Every structure is written in structure tokens, then in C-alpha cells.
């Protein structure tokens, strides 16, 4: 049971790190949005999103993660980023 509790504690730490990284990412997205607004650019850049998605899906696959799983996560993050940029 100690092993199970130790593993759960590790998961809790990793979850906290994920939340922190997402917060940092959205702060950067907010800055990107400000720059795009000044330049008169739209929040969505389809070509950029395609490159980002492809790069991250390749990395996920190389780490043994299911592409479908990572795509869902990235799509959700991207949707939130677009809201922040607006």
C-alpha cells in the first residue's frame, strides 16, 4: 500500500506541474494576442497551428503516447488559447 500511496503522490506532483506549465503557456499566449491585435492579425493562424500540431504529435508518438490522446489535449489547449488571444 505504501508503494501505491507513493505513486499517487508522484501523480499529484506531476498534475501540479502540468497546471503550472499551462498557466505559464497561457500567459505567453496573452502576450502573443496583444501583439497580434496591434498588428491587426487574427487569433487563428491555420498554417502555424498545423505545424505546431504536427510537431507535437510526432514527439508524442516518439514517446509512445497515442496520437489521438495528445491531439485531444492539444486541441483543448488551442481552443483556450484562442479565447485568451481574443
PDB file of N, CA and C in Angstrom:
ATOM      1  N   UNK A   1       0.819  -1.200   0.000  1.00  0.00           N
ATOM      2  CA  UNK A   1       0.000   0.000   0.000  1.00  0.00           C
ATOM      3  C   UNK A   1       0.860   1.260   0.000  1.00  0.00           C
ATOM      4  N   UNK A   2       2.045   1.189   0.628  1.00  0.00           N
ATOM      5  CA  UNK A   2       2.951   2.337   0.629  1.00  0.00           C
ATOM      6  C   UNK A   2       3.370   2.705  -0.790  1.00  0.00           C
ATOM      7  N   UNK A   3       3.629   1.693  -1.596  1.00  0.00           N
ATOM      8  CA  UNK A   3       4.020   1.926  -2.984  1.00  0.00           C
ATOM      9  C   UNK A   3       2.911   2.652  -3.740  1.00  0.00           C
ATOM     10  N   UNK A   4       1.671   2.221  -3.536  1.00  0.00           N
ATOM     11  CA  UNK A   4       0.533   2.857  -4.185  1.00  0.00           C
ATOM     12  C   UNK A   4       0.420   4.320  -3.765  1.00  0.00           C
ATOM     13  N   UNK A   5       0.547   4.572  -2.497  1.00  0.00           N
ATOM     14  CA  UNK A   5       0.483   5.952  -1.996  1.00  0.00           C
ATOM     15  C   UNK A   5       1.622   6.804  -2.540  1.00  0.00           C
ATOM     16  N   UNK A   6       2.809   6.227  -2.612  1.00  0.00           N
ATOM     17  CA  UNK A   6       3.956   6.952  -3.182  1.00  0.00           C
ATOM     18  C   UNK A   6       3.703   7.315  -4.648  1.00  0.00           C
ATOM     19  N   UNK A   7       3.171   6.370  -5.399  1.00  0.00           N
ATOM     20  CA  UNK A   7       2.876   6.624  -6.808  1.00  0.00           C
ATOM     21  C   UNK A   7       1.795   7.687  -6.959  1.00  0.00           C
ATOM     22  N   UNK A   8       0.794   7.644  -6.098  1.00  0.00           N
ATOM     23  CA  UNK A   8      -0.259   8.661  -6.142  1.00  0.00           C
ATOM     24  C   UNK A   8       0.296  10.045  -5.806  1.00  0.00           C
ATOM     25  N   UNK A   9       1.225  10.104  -4.881  1.00  0.00           N
ATOM     26  CA  UNK A   9       1.862  11.384  -4.554  1.00  0.00           C
ATOM     27  C   UNK A   9       2.645  11.912  -5.754  1.00  0.00           C
ATOM     28  N   UNK A  10       3.318  11.001  -6.466  1.00  0.00           N
ATOM     29  CA  UNK A  10       4.041  11.407  -7.675  1.00  0.00           C
ATOM     30  C   UNK A  10       3.077  11.966  -8.715  1.00  0.00           C
ATOM     31  N   UNK A  11       1.945  11.322  -8.876  1.00  0.00           N
ATOM     32  CA  UNK A  11       0.933  11.799  -9.825  1.00  0.00           C
ATOM     33  C   UNK A  11       0.445  13.184  -9.416  1.00  0.00           C
ATOM     34  N   UNK A  12       0.218  13.386  -8.129  1.00  0.00           N
ATOM     35  CA  UNK A  12      -0.228  14.696  -7.641  1.00  0.00           C
ATOM     36  C   UNK A  12       0.782  15.785  -7.956  1.00  0.00           C
ATOM     37  N   UNK A  13       2.059  15.487  -7.783  1.00  0.00           N
ATOM     38  CA  UNK A  13       3.117  16.461  -8.084  1.00  0.00           C
ATOM     39  C   UNK A  13       3.136  16.764  -9.580  1.00  0.00           C
ATOM     40  N   UNK A  14       3.040  15.740 -10.396  1.00  0.00           N
ATOM     41  CA  UNK A  14       3.052  15.927 -11.848  1.00  0.00           C
ATOM     42  C   UNK A  14       1.825  16.721 -12.293  1.00  0.00           C
ATOM     43  N   UNK A  15       0.663  16.428 -11.719  1.00  0.00           N
ATOM     44  CA  UNK A  15      -0.548  17.192 -12.048  1.00  0.00           C
ATOM     45  C   UNK A  15      -0.356  18.672 -11.722  1.00  0.00           C
ATOM     46  N   UNK A  16       0.239  18.942 -10.582  1.00  0.00           N
ATOM     47  CA  UNK A  16       0.500  20.330 -10.192  1.00  0.00           C
ATOM     48  C   UNK A  16       1.446  21.002 -11.182  1.00  0.00           C
ATOM     49  N   UNK A  17       2.453  20.272 -11.627  1.00  0.00           N
ATOM     50  CA  UNK A  17       3.397  20.807 -12.614  1.00  0.00           C
ATOM     51  C   UNK A  17       2.690  21.090 -13.943  1.00  0.00           C
ATOM     52  N   UNK A  18       1.795  20.206 -14.345  1.00  0.00           N
ATOM     53  CA  UNK A  18       1.043  20.419 -15.583  1.00  0.00           C
ATOM     54  C   UNK A  18       0.225  21.707 -15.501  1.00  0.00           C
ATOM     55  N   UNK A  19      -0.435  21.922 -14.372  1.00  0.00           N
ATOM     56  CA  UNK A  19      -1.240  23.127 -14.187  1.00  0.00           C
ATOM     57  C   UNK A  19      -0.355  24.367 -14.250  1.00  0.00           C
ATOM     58  N   UNK A  20       0.807  24.304 -13.623  1.00  0.00           N
ATOM     59  CA  UNK A  20       1.740  25.431 -13.636  1.00  0.00           C
ATOM     60  C   UNK A  20       2.204  25.736 -15.064  1.00  0.00           C
ATOM     61  N   UNK A  21       2.545  24.708 -15.806  1.00  0.00           N
ATOM     62  CA  UNK A  21       3.010  24.887 -17.189  1.00  0.00           C
ATOM     63  C   UNK A  21       1.891  25.464 -18.057  1.00  0.00           C
ATOM     64  N   UNK A  22       0.666  24.988 -17.865  1.00  0.00           N
ATOM     65  CA  UNK A  22      -0.454  25.528 -18.634  1.00  0.00           C
ATOM     66  C   UNK A  22      -0.673  27.002 -18.315  1.00  0.00           C
ATOM     67  N   UNK A  23      -0.531  27.361 -17.064  1.00  0.00           N
ATOM     68  CA  UNK A  23      -0.667  28.762 -16.670  1.00  0.00           C
ATOM     69  C   UNK A  23       0.406  29.615 -17.353  1.00  0.00           C
ATOM     70  N   UNK A  24       1.631  29.142 -17.344  1.00  0.00           N
ATOM     71  CA  UNK A  24       2.734  29.868 -17.993  1.00  0.00           C
ATOM     72  C   UNK A  24       2.480  29.995 -19.487  1.00  0.00           C
ATOM     73  N   UNK A  25       1.991  28.920 -20.095  1.00  0.00           N
ATOM     74  CA  UNK A  25       1.721  28.936 -21.536  1.00  0.00           C
ATOM     75  C   UNK A  25       0.664  29.990 -21.874  1.00  0.00           C
ATOM     76  N   UNK A  26      -0.398  30.039 -21.077  1.00  0.00           N
ATOM     77  CA  UNK A  26      -1.463  30.990 -21.367  1.00  0.00           C
ATOM     78  C   UNK A  26      -1.036  32.435 -21.127  1.00  0.00           C
ATOM     79  N   UNK A  27      -0.090  32.650 -20.237  1.00  0.00           N
ATOM     80  CA  UNK A  27       0.463  33.999 -20.061  1.00  0.00           C
ATOM     81  C   UNK A  27       1.208  34.432 -21.319  1.00  0.00           C
ATOM     82  N   UNK A  28       1.949  33.517 -21.907  1.00  0.00           N
ATOM     83  CA  UNK A  28       2.660  33.813 -23.155  1.00  0.00           C
ATOM     84  C   UNK A  28       1.656  34.031 -24.283  1.00  0.00           C
ATOM     85  N   UNK A  29       0.614  33.200 -24.330  1.00  0.00           N
ATOM     86  CA  UNK A  29      -0.438  33.352 -25.334  1.00  0.00           C
ATOM     87  C   UNK A  29      -1.075  34.734 -25.228  1.00  0.00           C
ATOM     88  N   UNK A  30      -1.288  35.200 -24.012  1.00  0.00           N
ATOM     89  CA  UNK A  30      -1.861  36.524 -23.810  1.00  0.00           C
ATOM     90  C   UNK A  30      -0.969  37.599 -24.438  1.00  0.00           C
ATOM     91  N   UNK A  31       0.327  37.472 -24.272  1.00  0.00           N
ATOM     92  CA  UNK A  31       1.266  38.423 -24.875  1.00  0.00           C
ATOM     93  C   UNK A  31       1.225  38.339 -26.405  1.00  0.00           C
ATOM     94  N   UNK A  32       1.146  37.120 -26.916  1.00  0.00           N
ATOM     95  CA  UNK A  32       1.028  36.924 -28.369  1.00  0.00           C
ATOM     96  C   UNK A  32      -0.230  37.619 -28.873  1.00  0.00           C
ATOM     97  N   UNK A  33      -1.321  37.437 -28.146  1.00  0.00           N
ATOM     98  CA  UNK A  33      -2.586  38.064 -28.534  1.00  0.00           C
ATOM     99  C   UNK A  33      -2.489  39.577 -28.592  1.00  0.00           C
ATOM    100  N   UNK A  34      -1.795  40.177 -27.646  1.00  0.00           N
ATOM    101  CA  UNK A  34      -1.614  41.627 -27.638  1.00  0.00           C
ATOM    102  C   UNK A  34      -0.843  42.093 -28.869  1.00  0.00           C
ATOM    103  N   UNK A  35       0.190  41.364 -29.209  1.00  0.00           N
ATOM    104  CA  UNK A  35       0.996  41.716 -30.383  1.00  0.00           C
ATOM    105  C   UNK A  35       0.167  41.550 -31.663  1.00  0.00           C
ATOM    106  N   UNK A  36      -0.560  40.437 -31.762  1.00  0.00           N
ATOM    107  CA  UNK A  36      -1.391  40.217 -32.947  1.00  0.00           C
ATOM    108  C   UNK A  36      -2.430  41.324 -33.098  1.00  0.00           C
ATOM    109  N   UNK A  37      -2.998  41.739 -31.986  1.00  0.00           N
ATOM    110  CA  UNK A  37      -4.011  42.797 -32.029  1.00  0.00           C
ATOM    111  C   UNK A  37      -3.396  44.093 -32.564  1.00  0.00           C
ATOM    112  N   UNK A  38      -2.206  44.446 -32.085  1.00  0.00           N
ATOM    113  CA  UNK A  38      -1.520  45.656 -32.549  1.00  0.00           C
ATOM    114  C   UNK A  38      -1.206  45.580 -34.041  1.00  0.00           C
ATOM    115  N   UNK A  39      -0.899  44.384 -34.498  1.00  0.00           N
ATOM    116  CA  UNK A  39      -0.545  44.189 -35.905  1.00  0.00           C
ATOM    117  C   UNK A  39      -1.767  43.940 -36.794  1.00  0.00           C
ATOM    118  N   UNK A  40      -2.933  43.843 -36.173  1.00  0.00           N
ATOM    119  CA  UNK A  40      -4.150  43.596 -36.940  1.00  0.00           C
ATOM    120  C   UNK A  40      -4.275  42.164 -37.439  1.00  0.00           C
ATOM    121  N   UNK A  41      -3.645  41.244 -36.739  1.00  0.00           N
ATOM    122  CA  UNK A  41      -3.691  39.835 -37.136  1.00  0.00           C
ATOM    123  C   UNK A  41      -4.808  39.110 -36.396  1.00  0.00           C
ATOM    124  N   UNK A  42      -5.353  38.088 -37.023  1.00  0.00           N
ATOM    125  CA  UNK A  42      -6.395  37.277 -36.407  1.00  0.00           C
ATOM    126  C   UNK A  42      -5.760  36.324 -35.387  1.00  0.00           C
ATOM    127  N   UNK A  43      -6.543  35.935 -34.372  1.00  0.00           N
ATOM    128  CA  UNK A  43      -6.006  34.994 -33.387  1.00  0.00           C
ATOM    129  C   UNK A  43      -5.573  33.657 -33.995  1.00  0.00           C
ATOM    130  N   UNK A  44      -6.342  33.160 -34.961  1.00  0.00           N
ATOM    131  CA  UNK A  44      -6.015  31.859 -35.549  1.00  0.00           C
ATOM    132  C   UNK A  44      -5.132  32.022 -36.771  1.00  0.00           C
ATOM    133  N   UNK A  45      -3.983  31.347 -36.716  1.00  0.00           N
ATOM    134  CA  UNK A  45      -3.080  31.250 -37.861  1.00  0.00           C
ATOM    135  C   UNK A  45      -3.053  29.765 -38.236  1.00  0.00           C
ATOM    136  N   UNK A  46      -3.900  29.358 -39.192  1.00  0.00           N
ATOM    137  CA  UNK A  46      -4.026  27.931 -39.511  1.00  0.00           C
ATOM    138  C   UNK A  46      -2.702  27.245 -39.872  1.00  0.00           C
ATOM    139  N   UNK A  47      -1.851  27.929 -40.606  1.00  0.00           N
ATOM    140  CA  UNK A  47      -0.573  27.326 -41.003  1.00  0.00           C
ATOM    141  C   UNK A  47       0.299  27.063 -39.774  1.00  0.00           C
ATOM    142  N   UNK A  48       0.351  28.029 -38.873  1.00  0.00           N
ATOM    143  CA  UNK A  48       1.139  27.872 -37.635  1.00  0.00           C
ATOM    144  C   UNK A  48       0.567  26.739 -36.787  1.00  0.00           C
ATOM    145  N   UNK A  49      -0.764  26.706 -36.653  1.00  0.00           N
ATOM    146  CA  UNK A  49      -1.382  25.656 -35.844  1.00  0.00           C
ATOM    147  C   UNK A  49      -1.086  24.281 -36.420  1.00  0.00           C
ATOM    148  N   UNK A  50      -1.117  24.150 -37.735  1.00  0.00           N
ATOM    149  CA  UNK A  50      -0.827  22.868 -38.376  1.00  0.00           C
ATOM    150  C   UNK A  50       0.593  22.413 -38.050  1.00  0.00           C
ATOM    151  N   UNK A  51       1.554  23.333 -38.136  1.00  0.00           N
ATOM    152  CA  UNK A  51       2.948  22.994 -37.820  1.00  0.00           C
ATOM    153  C   UNK A  51       3.115  22.578 -36.362  1.00  0.00           C
ATOM    154  N   UNK A  52       2.500  23.345 -35.462  1.00  0.00           N
ATOM    155  CA  UNK A  52       2.593  23.043 -34.030  1.00  0.00           C
ATOM    156  C   UNK A  52       1.997  21.670 -33.742  1.00  0.00           C
ATOM    157  N   UNK A  53       0.844  21.419 -34.297  1.00  0.00           N
ATOM    158  CA  UNK A  53       0.168  20.147 -34.067  1.00  0.00           C
ATOM    159  C   UNK A  53       0.998  18.980 -34.594  1.00  0.00           C
ATOM    160  N   UNK A  54       1.477  19.096 -35.818  1.00  0.00           N
ATOM    161  CA  UNK A  54       2.272  18.016 -36.402  1.00  0.00           C
ATOM    162  C   UNK A  54       3.537  17.743 -35.595  1.00  0.00           C
ATOM    163  N   UNK A  55       4.226  18.807 -35.194  1.00  0.00           N
ATOM    164  CA  UNK A  55       5.468  18.654 -34.417  1.00  0.00           C
ATOM    165  C   UNK A  55       5.190  17.943 -33.096  1.00  0.00           C
ATOM    166  N   UNK A  56       4.144  18.374 -32.411  1.00  0.00           N
ATOM    167  CA  UNK A  56       3.845  17.784 -31.112  1.00  0.00           C
ATOM    168  C   UNK A  56       3.319  16.356 -31.226  1.00  0.00           C
ATOM    169  N   UNK A  57       2.595  16.067 -32.285  1.00  0.00           N
ATOM    170  CA  UNK A  57       2.119  14.695 -32.479  1.00  0.00           C
ATOM    171  C   UNK A  57       3.277  13.748 -32.794  1.00  0.00           C
ATOM    172  N   UNK A  58       4.263  14.238 -33.544  1.00  0.00           N
ATOM    173  CA  UNK A  58       5.463  13.413 -33.798  1.00  0.00           C
ATOM    174  C   UNK A  58       6.197  13.130 -32.489  1.00  0.00           C
ATOM    175  N   UNK A  59       6.345  14.169 -31.675  1.00  0.00           N
ATOM    176  CA  UNK A  59       7.025  13.984 -30.394  1.00  0.00           C
ATOM    177  C   UNK A  59       6.260  13.001 -29.515  1.00  0.00           C
ATOM    178  N   UNK A  60       4.954  13.150 -29.466  1.00  0.00           N
ATOM    179  CA  UNK A  60       4.123  12.260 -28.658  1.00  0.00           C
ATOM    180  C   UNK A  60       4.289  10.809 -29.103  1.00  0.00           C
ATOM    181  N   UNK A  61       4.250  10.625 -30.401  1.00  0.00           N
ATOM    182  CA  UNK A  61       4.392   9.271 -30.939  1.00  0.00           C
ATOM    183  C   UNK A  61       5.760   8.684 -30.583  1.00  0.00           C
ATOM    184  N   UNK A  62       6.809   9.505 -30.654  1.00  0.00           N
ATOM    185  CA  UNK A  62       8.157   9.023 -30.329  1.00  0.00           C
ATOM    186  C   UNK A  62       8.286   8.649 -28.855  1.00  0.00           C
ATOM    187  N   UNK A  63       7.402   9.204 -28.023  1.00  0.00           N
ATOM    188  CA  UNK A  63       7.420   8.894 -26.589  1.00  0.00           C
ATOM    189  C   UNK A  63       6.426   7.793 -26.220  1.00  0.00           C
ATOM    190  N   UNK A  64       5.791   7.211 -27.242  1.00  0.00           N
ATOM    191  CA  UNK A  64       4.876   6.110 -27.001  1.00  0.00           C
ATOM    192  C   UNK A  64       3.478   6.533 -26.569  1.00  0.00           C
ATOM    193  N   UNK A  65       3.139   7.794 -26.793  1.00  0.00           N
ATOM    194  CA  UNK A  65       1.804   8.287 -26.452  1.00  0.00           C
ATOM    195  C   UNK A  65       0.889   8.171 -27.672  1.00  0.00           C
ATOM    196  N   UNK A  66      -0.362   7.860 -27.411  1.00  0.00           N
ATOM    197  CA  UNK A  66      -1.322   7.754 -28.510  1.00  0.00           C
ATOM    198  C   UNK A  66      -1.579   9.132 -29.108  1.00  0.00           C
ATOM    199  N   UNK A  67      -1.480   9.210 -30.412  1.00  0.00           N
ATOM    200  CA  UNK A  67      -1.684  10.487 -31.100  1.00  0.00           C
ATOM    201  C   UNK A  67      -3.078  11.051 -30.836  1.00  0.00           C
ATOM    202  N   UNK A  68      -4.081  10.186 -30.796  1.00  0.00           N
ATOM    203  CA  UNK A  68      -5.457  10.647 -30.577  1.00  0.00           C
ATOM    204  C   UNK A  68      -5.596  11.325 -29.219  1.00  0.00           C
ATOM    205  N   UNK A  69      -4.951  10.757 -28.211  1.00  0.00           N
ATOM    206  CA  UNK A  69      -4.980  11.304 -26.856  1.00  0.00           C
ATOM    207  C   UNK A  69      -4.339  12.693 -26.828  1.00  0.00           C
ATOM    208  N   UNK A  70      -3.159  12.800 -27.409  1.00  0.00           N
ATOM    209  CA  UNK A  70      -2.434  14.068 -27.405  1.00  0.00           C
ATOM    210  C   UNK A  70      -3.161  15.100 -28.259  1.00  0.00           C
ATOM    211  N   UNK A  71      -3.746  14.688 -29.369  1.00  0.00           N
ATOM    212  CA  UNK A  71      -4.481  15.635 -30.208  1.00  0.00           C
ATOM    213  C   UNK A  71      -5.655  16.238 -29.444  1.00  0.00           C
ATOM    214  N   UNK A  72      -6.367  15.429 -28.665  1.00  0.00           N
ATOM    215  CA  UNK A  72      -7.470  15.951 -27.857  1.00  0.00           C
ATOM    216  C   UNK A  72      -6.964  17.022 -26.883  1.00  0.00           C
ATOM    217  N   UNK A  73      -5.866  16.721 -26.232  1.00  0.00           N
ATOM    218  CA  UNK A  73      -5.297  17.670 -25.264  1.00  0.00           C
ATOM    219  C   UNK A  73      -4.868  18.949 -25.966  1.00  0.00           C
ATOM    220  N   UNK A  74      -4.146  18.806 -27.064  1.00  0.00           N
ATOM    221  CA  UNK A  74      -3.659  19.985 -27.790  1.00  0.00           C
ATOM    222  C   UNK A  74      -4.802  20.809 -28.356  1.00  0.00           C
ATOM    223  N   UNK A  75      -5.828  20.153 -28.866  1.00  0.00           N
ATOM    224  CA  UNK A  75      -6.991  20.887 -29.379  1.00  0.00           C
ATOM    225  C   UNK A  75      -7.656  21.697 -28.265  1.00  0.00           C
ATOM    226  N   UNK A  76      -7.776  21.108 -27.093  1.00  0.00           N
ATOM    227  CA  UNK A  76      -8.389  21.801 -25.960  1.00  0.00           C
ATOM    228  C   UNK A  76      -7.539  22.991 -25.533  1.00  0.00           C
ATOM    229  N   UNK A  77      -6.246  22.799 -25.466  1.00  0.00           N
ATOM    230  CA  UNK A  77      -5.337  23.901 -25.112  1.00  0.00           C
ATOM    231  C   UNK A  77      -5.426  25.004 -26.157  1.00  0.00           C
ATOM    232  N   UNK A  78      -5.489  24.613 -27.426  1.00  0.00           N
ATOM    233  CA  UNK A  78      -5.554  25.587 -28.508  1.00  0.00           C
ATOM    234  C   UNK A  78      -6.858  26.383 -28.458  1.00  0.00           C
ATOM    235  N   UNK A  79      -7.960  25.716 -28.169  1.00  0.00           N
ATOM    236  CA  UNK A  79      -9.243  26.418 -28.039  1.00  0.00           C
ATOM    237  C   UNK A  79      -9.176  27.477 -26.946  1.00  0.00           C
ATOM    238  N   UNK A  80      -8.578  27.119 -25.815  1.00  0.00           N
ATOM    239  CA  UNK A  80      -8.433  28.074 -24.711  1.00  0.00           C
ATOM    240  C   UNK A  80      -7.507  29.213 -25.114  1.00  0.00           C
ATOM    241  N   UNK A  81      -6.441  28.893 -25.831  1.00  0.00           N
ATOM    242  CA  UNK A  81      -5.504  29.924 -26.285  1.00  0.00           C
ATOM    243  C   UNK A  81      -6.195  30.922 -27.192  1.00  0.00           C
ATOM    244  N   UNK A  82      -7.043  30.436 -28.080  1.00  0.00           N
ATOM    245  CA  UNK A  82      -7.762  31.352 -28.972  1.00  0.00           C
ATOM    246  C   UNK A  82      -8.692  32.277 -28.178  1.00  0.00           C
ATOM    247  N   UNK A  83      -9.305  31.760 -27.132  1.00  0.00           N
ATOM    248  CA  UNK A  83     -10.153  32.595 -26.274  1.00  0.00           C
ATOM    249  C   UNK A  83      -9.314  33.666 -25.580  1.00  0.00           C
ATOM    250  N   UNK A  84      -8.149  33.280 -25.111  1.00  0.00           N
ATOM    251  CA  UNK A  84      -7.259  34.229 -24.426  1.00  0.00           C
ATOM    252  C   UNK A  84      -6.776  35.296 -25.403  1.00  0.00           C
ATOM    253  N   UNK A  85      -6.443  34.895 -26.625  1.00  0.00           N
ATOM    254  CA  UNK A  85      -5.940  35.849 -27.616  1.00  0.00           C
ATOM    255  C   UNK A  85      -6.984  36.880 -28.021  1.00  0.00           C
ATOM    256  N   UNK A  86      -8.253  36.501 -27.962  1.00  0.00           N
ATOM    257  CA  UNK A  86      -9.324  37.427 -28.348  1.00  0.00           C
ATOM    258  C   UNK A  86      -9.473  38.440 -27.250  1.00  0.00           C
TER     259      UNK A  86
END
